[in-house]
């Protein structure tokens, strides 16, 4: 179940990153600023992906030492 929640959260983050990149292409006309904004989007995306991956891997190993959780665990009601 944790894998499905991980994939769901990761797909949401990926969708937001893609939309941000599309809006960057539409709204920013200067090549220099477009490059800067695209790099910032990529850094945030890869940072969130790495944090999700670490949380998923720690949960799979049985570690529970995280003070922040990006994925909400619990029963689906």
N, C-alpha and C. Protein backbone atom coordinates (compact mmCIF):
# COMPACT_ATOMS: atom_id res chain seq x y z
N UNK A 1 0.82 -1.19 0.00
CA UNK A 1 0.00 0.00 0.00
C UNK A 1 0.86 1.26 0.00
N UNK A 2 1.99 1.20 0.70
CA UNK A 2 2.87 2.37 0.74
C UNK A 2 3.40 2.69 -0.65
N UNK A 3 3.62 1.67 -1.47
CA UNK A 3 4.14 1.91 -2.81
C UNK A 3 3.10 2.65 -3.66
N UNK A 4 1.84 2.28 -3.53
CA UNK A 4 0.80 2.98 -4.29
C UNK A 4 0.64 4.42 -3.83
N UNK A 5 0.73 4.67 -2.53
CA UNK A 5 0.65 6.04 -2.03
C UNK A 5 1.85 6.85 -2.49
N UNK A 6 3.03 6.22 -2.48
CA UNK A 6 4.24 6.88 -2.98
C UNK A 6 4.06 7.26 -4.44
N UNK A 7 3.60 6.31 -5.26
CA UNK A 7 3.43 6.59 -6.69
C UNK A 7 2.37 7.66 -6.92
N UNK A 8 1.30 7.62 -6.16
CA UNK A 8 0.26 8.65 -6.31
C UNK A 8 0.78 10.03 -5.99
N UNK A 9 1.51 10.14 -4.89
CA UNK A 9 2.07 11.44 -4.50
C UNK A 9 3.11 11.90 -5.51
N UNK A 10 3.94 10.98 -5.97
CA UNK A 10 4.97 11.34 -6.94
C UNK A 10 4.35 11.79 -8.26
N UNK A 11 3.27 11.13 -8.69
CA UNK A 11 2.60 11.54 -9.93
C UNK A 11 1.98 12.93 -9.80
N UNK A 12 1.46 13.26 -8.62
CA UNK A 12 0.92 14.61 -8.41
C UNK A 12 2.03 15.65 -8.50
N UNK A 13 3.16 15.37 -7.87
CA UNK A 13 4.29 16.31 -7.92
C UNK A 13 4.80 16.44 -9.36
N UNK A 14 4.86 15.34 -10.07
CA UNK A 14 5.31 15.37 -11.46
C UNK A 14 4.34 16.19 -12.32
N UNK A 15 3.05 16.02 -12.10
CA UNK A 15 2.06 16.80 -12.84
C UNK A 15 2.19 18.29 -12.59
N UNK A 16 2.40 18.66 -11.32
CA UNK A 16 2.57 20.08 -10.99
C UNK A 16 3.85 20.63 -11.63
N UNK A 17 4.91 19.84 -11.63
CA UNK A 17 6.17 20.28 -12.24
C UNK A 17 6.00 20.47 -13.75
N UNK A 18 5.28 19.56 -14.38
CA UNK A 18 5.05 19.69 -15.83
C UNK A 18 4.21 20.93 -16.13
N UNK A 19 3.16 21.15 -15.34
CA UNK A 19 2.34 22.36 -15.54
C UNK A 19 3.16 23.63 -15.32
N UNK A 20 4.03 23.61 -14.30
CA UNK A 20 4.88 24.78 -14.05
C UNK A 20 5.82 25.03 -15.23
N UNK A 21 6.36 23.96 -15.80
CA UNK A 21 7.24 24.12 -16.95
C UNK A 21 6.47 24.65 -18.16
N UNK A 22 5.24 24.19 -18.34
CA UNK A 22 4.43 24.68 -19.46
C UNK A 22 4.11 26.16 -19.28
N UNK A 23 3.70 26.54 -18.06
CA UNK A 23 3.40 27.96 -17.81
C UNK A 23 4.66 28.82 -17.94
N UNK A 24 5.81 28.27 -17.58
CA UNK A 24 7.05 29.01 -17.76
C UNK A 24 7.29 29.30 -19.24
N UNK A 25 7.08 28.29 -20.06
CA UNK A 25 7.26 28.48 -21.50
C UNK A 25 6.30 29.50 -22.08
N UNK A 26 5.10 29.57 -21.51
CA UNK A 26 4.10 30.50 -22.02
C UNK A 26 4.34 31.93 -21.50
N UNK A 27 4.64 32.06 -20.22
CA UNK A 27 4.66 33.38 -19.59
C UNK A 27 6.02 34.08 -19.61
N UNK A 28 7.11 33.32 -19.66
CA UNK A 28 8.44 33.94 -19.62
C UNK A 28 9.01 33.93 -21.03
N UNK A 29 9.30 35.13 -21.54
CA UNK A 29 9.75 35.26 -22.92
C UNK A 29 11.26 35.40 -23.06
N UNK A 30 11.93 35.79 -22.01
CA UNK A 30 13.38 35.95 -22.07
C UNK A 30 14.05 34.59 -21.90
N UNK A 31 14.96 34.22 -22.80
CA UNK A 31 15.63 32.92 -22.69
C UNK A 31 16.42 32.75 -21.39
N UNK A 32 17.03 33.83 -20.92
CA UNK A 32 17.81 33.76 -19.69
C UNK A 32 16.94 33.48 -18.47
N UNK A 33 15.84 34.22 -18.35
CA UNK A 33 14.93 34.01 -17.23
C UNK A 33 14.22 32.66 -17.34
N UNK A 34 13.91 32.25 -18.55
CA UNK A 34 13.27 30.94 -18.73
C UNK A 34 14.20 29.83 -18.25
N UNK A 35 15.48 29.97 -18.53
CA UNK A 35 16.46 28.98 -18.06
C UNK A 35 16.54 28.97 -16.54
N UNK A 36 16.58 30.14 -15.93
CA UNK A 36 16.66 30.24 -14.47
C UNK A 36 15.43 29.61 -13.82
N UNK A 37 14.26 29.95 -14.32
CA UNK A 37 13.02 29.42 -13.74
C UNK A 37 12.94 27.91 -13.94
N UNK A 38 13.35 27.42 -15.11
CA UNK A 38 13.32 25.98 -15.37
C UNK A 38 14.28 25.25 -14.44
N UNK A 39 15.44 25.81 -14.18
CA UNK A 39 16.39 25.19 -13.25
C UNK A 39 15.82 25.15 -11.85
N UNK A 40 15.16 26.22 -11.42
CA UNK A 40 14.55 26.24 -10.09
C UNK A 40 13.44 25.18 -9.99
N UNK A 41 12.62 25.08 -11.02
CA UNK A 41 11.56 24.06 -11.03
C UNK A 41 12.18 22.66 -10.94
N UNK A 42 13.23 22.42 -11.71
CA UNK A 42 13.88 21.11 -11.70
C UNK A 42 14.49 20.80 -10.34
N UNK A 43 15.13 21.78 -9.70
CA UNK A 43 15.73 21.55 -8.39
C UNK A 43 14.67 21.23 -7.33
N UNK A 44 13.57 21.96 -7.36
CA UNK A 44 12.49 21.68 -6.41
C UNK A 44 11.90 20.31 -6.68
N UNK A 45 11.68 19.97 -7.94
CA UNK A 45 11.12 18.67 -8.31
C UNK A 45 12.03 17.53 -7.84
N UNK A 46 13.31 17.63 -8.15
CA UNK A 46 14.22 16.55 -7.76
C UNK A 46 14.41 16.49 -6.25
N UNK A 47 14.35 17.63 -5.57
CA UNK A 47 14.42 17.62 -4.11
C UNK A 47 13.23 16.92 -3.49
N UNK A 48 12.04 17.23 -3.97
CA UNK A 48 10.84 16.55 -3.45
C UNK A 48 10.84 15.07 -3.80
N UNK A 49 11.30 14.73 -4.99
CA UNK A 49 11.38 13.33 -5.38
C UNK A 49 12.36 12.57 -4.49
N UNK A 50 13.51 13.17 -4.19
CA UNK A 50 14.47 12.53 -3.31
C UNK A 50 13.92 12.36 -1.90
N UNK A 51 13.19 13.36 -1.40
CA UNK A 51 12.61 13.27 -0.06
C UNK A 51 11.55 12.17 -0.01
N UNK A 52 10.72 12.08 -1.03
CA UNK A 52 9.73 11.02 -1.09
C UNK A 52 10.39 9.65 -1.16
N UNK A 53 11.43 9.55 -1.97
CA UNK A 53 12.14 8.28 -2.11
C UNK A 53 12.76 7.85 -0.77
N UNK A 54 13.37 8.79 -0.07
CA UNK A 54 13.97 8.46 1.23
C UNK A 54 12.92 8.01 2.23
N UNK A 55 11.78 8.69 2.23
CA UNK A 55 10.70 8.31 3.14
C UNK A 55 10.17 6.92 2.80
N UNK A 56 9.98 6.65 1.52
CA UNK A 56 9.47 5.36 1.09
C UNK A 56 10.46 4.26 1.46
N UNK A 57 11.74 4.49 1.18
CA UNK A 57 12.76 3.48 1.48
C UNK A 57 12.86 3.25 2.99
N UNK A 58 12.78 4.29 3.79
CA UNK A 58 12.86 4.14 5.25
C UNK A 58 11.65 3.36 5.76
N UNK A 59 10.49 3.63 5.22
CA UNK A 59 9.30 2.91 5.65
C UNK A 59 9.39 1.44 5.28
N UNK A 60 9.94 1.15 4.10
CA UNK A 60 10.10 -0.24 3.66
C UNK A 60 11.11 -0.98 4.52
N UNK A 61 12.13 -0.27 5.01
CA UNK A 61 13.13 -0.89 5.89
C UNK A 61 12.62 -1.03 7.32
N UNK A 62 11.57 -0.33 7.65
CA UNK A 62 11.04 -0.39 9.00
C UNK A 62 11.52 0.74 9.89
N UNK A 63 12.24 1.69 9.32
CA UNK A 63 12.68 2.85 10.09
C UNK A 63 11.48 3.77 10.30
N UNK A 64 11.43 4.37 11.47
CA UNK A 64 10.33 5.28 11.73
C UNK A 64 10.81 6.58 12.32
N UNK A 65 12.01 7.01 11.97
CA UNK A 65 12.62 8.16 12.61
C UNK A 65 12.38 9.49 11.94
N UNK A 66 11.44 9.58 11.02
CA UNK A 66 11.20 10.85 10.35
C UNK A 66 10.29 11.74 11.18
N UNK A 67 10.65 13.00 11.26
CA UNK A 67 9.78 13.93 11.97
C UNK A 67 8.76 14.55 11.02
N UNK A 68 9.04 14.51 9.71
CA UNK A 68 8.11 15.01 8.71
C UNK A 68 7.73 13.85 7.80
N UNK A 69 6.47 13.78 7.46
CA UNK A 69 6.03 12.77 6.51
C UNK A 69 5.30 13.46 5.38
N UNK A 70 5.70 13.15 4.16
CA UNK A 70 5.08 13.73 3.00
C UNK A 70 3.85 12.94 2.57
N UNK A 71 3.86 11.65 2.90
CA UNK A 71 2.74 10.79 2.54
C UNK A 71 1.95 10.51 3.79
N UNK A 72 0.66 10.68 3.72
CA UNK A 72 -0.19 10.43 4.88
C UNK A 72 -0.53 8.95 4.94
N UNK A 73 -0.12 8.32 6.04
CA UNK A 73 -0.39 6.89 6.21
C UNK A 73 -1.62 6.72 7.08
N UNK A 74 -2.36 5.74 6.80
CA UNK A 74 -3.55 5.46 7.60
C UNK A 74 -4.56 4.71 6.77
N UNK A 75 -5.67 4.48 7.36
CA UNK A 75 -6.70 3.74 6.64
C UNK A 75 -7.39 4.63 5.63
N UNK A 76 -7.66 4.03 4.51
CA UNK A 76 -8.45 4.71 3.50
C UNK A 76 -9.91 4.41 3.81
N UNK A 77 -10.65 5.46 4.09
CA UNK A 77 -12.05 5.26 4.47
C UNK A 77 -12.98 5.73 3.38
